Amino acid sequence: METQLKISLKLFAVYQETFGSAELNLKFPPQTSVGEVLEWAIAQHPQLAKWRDITRFGVNLQFVEADTLLADGDEVVLIPPVSGG
């Protein structure tokens, strides 16, 4: 039986405010994509859905696409647009 992937999810801006935390330690099934982590976050807090199409993803300090599959121990970052200039 395959084990669950353990990831650390770093949260910034609206995600951090909504979850009330800068980091969450989570478990997901094997073959989970970074986009599915965003969908998990939206399922927890549906008001985050408005950020779905404009959130960027980082895994282990590199920008990645939503379909990037996660590995055990990955550090995932959800990066919403940042206001200001």
Protein backbone atom coordinates (compact mmCIF):
# COMPACT_ATOMS: atom_id res chain seq x y z
CA MET A 1 0.00 0.00 0.00
CA GLU A 2 1.33 3.40 -0.96
CA THR A 3 1.92 5.90 1.77
CA GLN A 4 0.61 9.42 1.83
CA LEU A 5 2.77 12.31 0.69
CA LYS A 6 3.68 14.71 3.46
CA ILE A 7 4.03 18.30 2.29
CA SER A 8 4.44 21.66 3.92
CA LEU A 9 2.13 24.29 2.50
CA LYS A 10 3.41 27.85 2.84
CA LEU A 11 0.69 30.48 2.83
CA PHE A 12 0.97 34.15 1.93
CA ALA A 13 -1.35 37.17 1.75
CA VAL A 14 -5.02 36.21 1.43
CA TYR A 15 -4.29 32.50 2.00
CA GLN A 16 -2.41 33.20 5.22
CA GLU A 17 -5.15 35.54 6.42
CA THR A 18 -7.88 33.01 5.63
CA PHE A 19 -6.19 30.01 7.25
CA GLY A 20 -4.75 32.06 10.12
CA SER A 21 -1.38 30.39 9.65
CA ALA A 22 1.79 30.86 7.61
CA GLU A 23 2.35 27.12 7.15
CA LEU A 24 0.29 23.93 7.18
CA ASN A 25 1.66 20.39 7.31
CA LEU A 26 -0.60 18.21 5.18
CA LYS A 27 -0.90 14.72 3.76
CA PHE A 28 -2.15 13.88 0.27
CA PRO A 29 -2.43 10.69 -1.78
CA PRO A 30 0.37 9.82 -4.22
CA GLN A 31 0.04 11.42 -7.66
CA THR A 32 -1.43 14.62 -6.21
CA SER A 33 -0.73 17.74 -8.26
CA VAL A 34 0.01 21.18 -6.88
CA GLY A 35 -3.27 22.35 -8.44
CA GLU A 36 -5.13 19.79 -6.35
CA VAL A 37 -3.60 21.34 -3.23
CA LEU A 38 -5.18 24.65 -4.27
CA GLU A 39 -8.50 22.85 -4.79
CA TRP A 40 -8.16 21.40 -1.26
CA ALA A 41 -7.62 24.91 0.12
CA ILE A 42 -10.69 26.20 -1.73
CA ALA A 43 -12.75 23.28 -0.43
CA GLN A 44 -11.77 24.30 3.12
CA HIS A 45 -12.53 27.99 2.51
CA PRO A 46 -14.81 28.48 -0.53
CA GLN A 47 -14.30 32.25 -0.45
CA LEU A 48 -10.81 31.56 -1.86
CA ALA A 49 -12.32 30.41 -5.17
CA LYS A 50 -12.04 33.93 -6.60
CA TRP A 51 -8.25 33.57 -6.45
CA ARG A 52 -8.18 30.20 -8.28
CA ASP A 53 -7.32 31.46 -11.76
CA ILE A 54 -4.72 34.00 -10.67
CA THR A 55 -2.77 32.00 -8.11
CA ARG A 56 0.73 30.87 -9.06
CA PHE A 57 2.45 27.82 -7.63
CA GLY A 58 5.86 27.14 -6.22
CA VAL A 59 7.39 23.82 -5.25
CA ASN A 60 10.75 23.78 -3.48
CA LEU A 61 11.42 27.45 -4.36
CA GLN A 62 10.69 27.06 -8.09
CA PHE A 63 7.65 28.26 -10.01
CA VAL A 64 5.69 25.32 -11.42
CA GLU A 65 2.52 24.65 -13.39
CA ALA A 66 -0.69 23.42 -11.74
CA ASP A 67 -0.28 19.89 -13.12
CA THR A 68 3.11 19.36 -11.43
CA LEU A 69 2.99 16.21 -9.31
CA LEU A 70 4.17 16.39 -5.74
CA ALA A 71 6.76 14.24 -4.01
CA ASP A 72 7.02 13.38 -0.34
CA GLY A 73 8.56 16.23 1.63
CA ASP A 74 7.86 18.95 -0.94
CA GLU A 75 7.41 22.54 0.17
CA VAL A 76 4.44 23.98 -1.71
CA VAL A 77 3.67 27.69 -1.97
CA LEU A 78 0.38 29.20 -3.10
CA ILE A 79 1.18 32.66 -4.47
CA PRO A 80 -1.77 34.99 -4.88
CA PRO A 81 -1.35 38.30 -6.68
CA VAL A 82 0.27 40.84 -4.40
CA SER A 83 -1.17 44.33 -4.33
CA GLY A 84 1.01 47.37 -4.58
CA GLY A 85 3.64 48.31 -7.05
